[in-house]
Amino acid sequence: MFKIQELREIIKLVDASSIDEFVYENDGAKLKLKKNNGVVMEVAVPKKEAAPVVQQTAVAAPAAAEAPKAIEVKTEEKTASVNVNDSSLHKITSPMVGTFYQSPSPDAPAYVKAGDKVSPDTIVCIVEAMKLFNEIEAEIKGEIVEVLVQDGQLVEYGQPLFVVKPE
């Protein structure tokens, strides 16, 4: 059986590579990843172990070659308006690889937006990983200056999600 950390590392490596499909079999367990229309993970375990089949579907970067360039341009425009590298600003980063959600449900308003005041225990977003929805707290008192990712976007471990001006 695969360990969660091993699965996360494999997903990161496949996501960072140029391959579209990855299959790995070991002792009757099978791992299959595809990223042409998103990341799909299937883990099949031999029937004698009586473990469930685990599936994960997450949105990956668009498959079109031009789409990533458009995203990079938007990021550059945002960094031009707010200097994200300013040492007086704090970045709230993702504690895991997963999918970023700005609200608790699609029809609910965002937890926070630019200009909102936050305290250390304020929930700012959800990062979904392996069907677990993890609430991310601000961990600092201040004002949200900018949201750096879009709703439904795949985020990496340590990737900045928000820029906060500490009080």
Protein backbone atom coordinates (compact mmCIF):
# COMPACT_ATOMS: atom_id res chain seq x y z
CA MET A 1 0.00 0.00 0.00
CA PHE A 2 1.21 3.52 -0.76
CA LYS A 3 1.84 6.03 2.02
CA ILE A 4 0.20 9.46 1.77
CA GLN A 5 3.56 11.27 1.66
CA GLU A 6 4.73 9.01 -1.18
CA LEU A 7 1.55 9.76 -3.13
CA ARG A 8 1.99 13.51 -2.61
CA GLU A 9 5.60 13.39 -3.82
CA ILE A 10 4.67 11.34 -6.88
CA ILE A 11 1.84 13.75 -7.71
CA LYS A 12 4.22 16.74 -7.36
CA LEU A 13 6.83 15.12 -9.61
CA VAL A 14 4.32 14.17 -12.31
CA ASP A 15 2.71 17.62 -12.15
CA ALA A 16 6.09 19.34 -12.57
CA SER A 17 7.10 17.09 -15.48
CA SER A 18 6.03 17.22 -19.12
CA ILE A 19 4.49 13.72 -19.10
CA ASP A 20 0.71 13.35 -19.35
CA GLU A 21 0.31 9.86 -17.91
CA PHE A 22 2.17 7.84 -15.25
CA VAL A 23 1.50 4.24 -14.19
CA TYR A 24 3.25 2.44 -11.32
CA GLU A 25 2.59 -1.10 -10.10
CA ASN A 26 4.12 -2.65 -6.97
CA ASP A 27 3.05 -5.81 -5.09
CA GLY A 28 -0.38 -5.82 -6.70
CA ALA A 29 -1.05 -2.13 -5.96
CA LYS A 30 -1.43 0.08 -9.01
CA LEU A 31 -1.09 3.87 -9.23
CA LYS A 32 -2.19 5.67 -12.39
CA LEU A 33 -1.92 9.45 -12.87
CA LYS A 34 -3.13 11.44 -15.88
CA LYS A 35 -2.86 15.19 -16.24
CA ASN A 36 -4.13 16.03 -19.73
CA ASN A 37 -7.54 17.26 -18.43
CA GLY A 38 -6.74 17.37 -14.74
CA VAL A 39 -4.98 15.10 -12.29
CA VAL A 40 -6.64 11.73 -11.84
CA MET A 41 -5.26 9.30 -9.31
CA GLU A 42 -6.40 5.72 -8.99
CA VAL A 43 -4.98 3.34 -6.45
CA ALA A 44 -6.02 -0.29 -6.78
CA VAL A 45 -5.15 -2.73 -4.02
CA PRO A 46 -5.32 -6.53 -4.32
CA LYS A 47 -8.65 -7.94 -3.12
CA LYS A 48 -7.01 -10.12 -0.46
CA GLU A 49 -6.02 -6.99 1.55
CA ALA A 50 -9.65 -5.74 1.69
CA ALA A 51 -8.57 -2.11 1.41
CA PRO A 52 -10.76 0.37 -0.46
CA VAL A 53 -9.93 1.85 -3.83
CA VAL A 54 -8.90 5.51 -3.47
CA GLN A 55 -9.61 8.06 -6.17
CA GLN A 56 -8.76 11.72 -6.37
CA THR A 57 -9.62 14.21 -9.03
CA ALA A 58 -8.09 17.67 -8.93
CA VAL A 59 -7.95 20.47 -11.45
CA ALA A 60 -4.50 20.91 -12.96
CA ALA A 61 -3.03 23.64 -15.10
CA PRO A 62 -4.85 24.06 -18.44
CA ALA A 63 -3.64 21.74 -21.19
CA ALA A 64 -3.49 24.47 -23.83
CA ALA A 65 0.00 25.76 -24.44
CA GLU A 66 -1.10 29.40 -24.47
CA ALA A 67 -3.10 29.34 -21.22
CA PRO A 68 -0.12 29.25 -18.82
CA LYS A 69 1.34 32.33 -20.52
CA ALA A 70 -1.89 34.23 -19.90
CA ILE A 71 -1.83 33.25 -16.23
CA GLU A 72 1.79 34.37 -15.91
CA VAL A 73 0.92 37.76 -17.42
CA LYS A 74 -1.89 38.26 -14.89
CA THR A 75 0.48 37.41 -12.05
CA GLU A 76 3.01 39.92 -13.32
CA GLU A 77 0.30 42.60 -13.50
CA LYS A 78 -0.71 41.90 -9.90
CA THR A 79 2.86 42.04 -8.62
CA ALA A 80 3.30 45.35 -10.40
CA SER A 81 0.34 46.86 -8.50
CA VAL A 82 1.42 45.44 -5.11
CA ASN A 83 5.04 44.66 -4.35
CA VAL A 84 4.57 41.12 -2.98
CA ASN A 85 8.28 40.95 -2.13
CA ASP A 86 7.96 43.87 0.29
CA SER A 87 9.52 42.68 3.56
CA SER A 88 6.81 44.43 5.61
CA LEU A 89 4.13 42.19 4.06
CA HIS A 90 3.36 38.65 5.28
CA LYS A 91 2.46 35.80 2.93
CA ILE A 92 -0.03 33.11 3.94
CA THR A 93 1.23 29.96 2.23
CA SER A 94 -0.36 26.63 1.43
CA PRO A 95 0.58 23.94 3.97
CA MET A 96 -0.03 21.19 1.39
CA VAL A 97 -0.58 20.32 -2.25
CA GLY A 98 -4.26 20.55 -3.10
CA THR A 99 -7.08 22.58 -4.61
CA PHE A 100 -7.70 26.13 -3.34
CA TYR A 101 -11.27 27.15 -2.51
CA GLN A 102 -12.07 30.69 -1.41
CA SER A 103 -15.48 29.82 0.10
CA PRO A 104 -17.06 26.94 2.03
CA SER A 105 -19.42 26.17 -0.88
CA PRO A 106 -19.84 27.40 -4.47
CA ASP A 107 -22.84 29.59 -3.60
CA ALA A 108 -21.31 31.08 -0.42
CA PRO A 109 -19.29 34.30 -0.33
CA ALA A 110 -15.49 34.15 -0.10
CA TYR A 111 -14.00 33.81 3.37
CA VAL A 112 -11.86 36.92 2.77
CA LYS A 113 -11.09 39.37 -0.01
CA ALA A 114 -8.63 42.22 -0.48
CA GLY A 115 -9.19 44.89 2.16
CA ASP A 116 -10.64 42.53 4.80
CA LYS A 117 -9.19 42.56 8.34
CA VAL A 118 -8.08 39.18 9.70
CA SER A 119 -7.00 37.85 13.08
CA PRO A 120 -4.78 34.81 13.68
CA ASP A 121 -7.77 32.45 13.95
CA THR A 122 -9.66 33.81 10.92
CA ILE A 123 -10.29 31.14 8.27
CA VAL A 124 -9.09 32.53 4.94
CA CYS A 125 -9.66 29.56 2.60
CA ILE A 126 -9.91 25.80 2.20
CA VAL A 127 -7.28 23.58 0.59
CA GLU A 128 -8.71 20.24 -0.45
CA ALA A 129 -6.33 17.29 -0.58
CA MET A 130 -7.35 13.66 -0.98
CA LYS A 131 -11.04 14.52 -0.39
CA LEU A 132 -10.19 16.21 2.92
CA PHE A 133 -11.14 19.88 3.20
CA ASN A 134 -8.53 21.68 5.32
CA GLU A 135 -9.44 25.12 6.67
CA ILE A 136 -6.46 27.48 6.48
CA GLU A 137 -6.18 30.18 9.14
CA ALA A 138 -4.50 33.58 8.75
CA GLU A 139 -2.13 33.01 11.72
CA ILE A 140 -1.48 36.77 11.78
CA LYS A 141 -3.43 39.93 12.58
CA GLY A 142 -3.65 42.34 9.67
CA GLU A 143 -5.34 43.31 6.42
CA ILE A 144 -5.55 41.16 3.27
CA VAL A 145 -3.72 43.11 0.57
CA GLU A 146 -4.12 40.60 -2.25
CA VAL A 147 -5.42 37.14 -3.06
CA LEU A 148 -2.74 35.46 -5.18
CA VAL A 149 -4.66 32.41 -6.45
CA GLN A 150 -8.00 31.78 -8.12
CA ASP A 151 -10.85 29.65 -6.82
CA GLY A 152 -10.41 26.02 -7.89
CA GLN A 153 -6.71 26.44 -8.70
CA LEU A 154 -4.25 23.66 -7.86
CA VAL A 155 -1.71 24.91 -5.30
CA GLU A 156 1.67 23.54 -4.24
CA TYR A 157 3.16 23.15 -0.78
CA GLY A 158 4.56 26.51 0.36
CA GLN A 159 2.90 28.46 -2.47
CA PRO A 160 1.81 31.95 -1.36
CA LEU A 161 -2.00 32.27 -1.27
CA PHE A 162 -2.53 35.70 0.30
CA VAL A 163 -0.49 38.81 1.00
CA VAL A 164 -1.26 40.39 4.40
CA LYS A 165 -0.22 43.76 5.79
CA PRO A 166 0.45 43.04 9.49
CA GLU A 167 -0.97 45.39 12.14
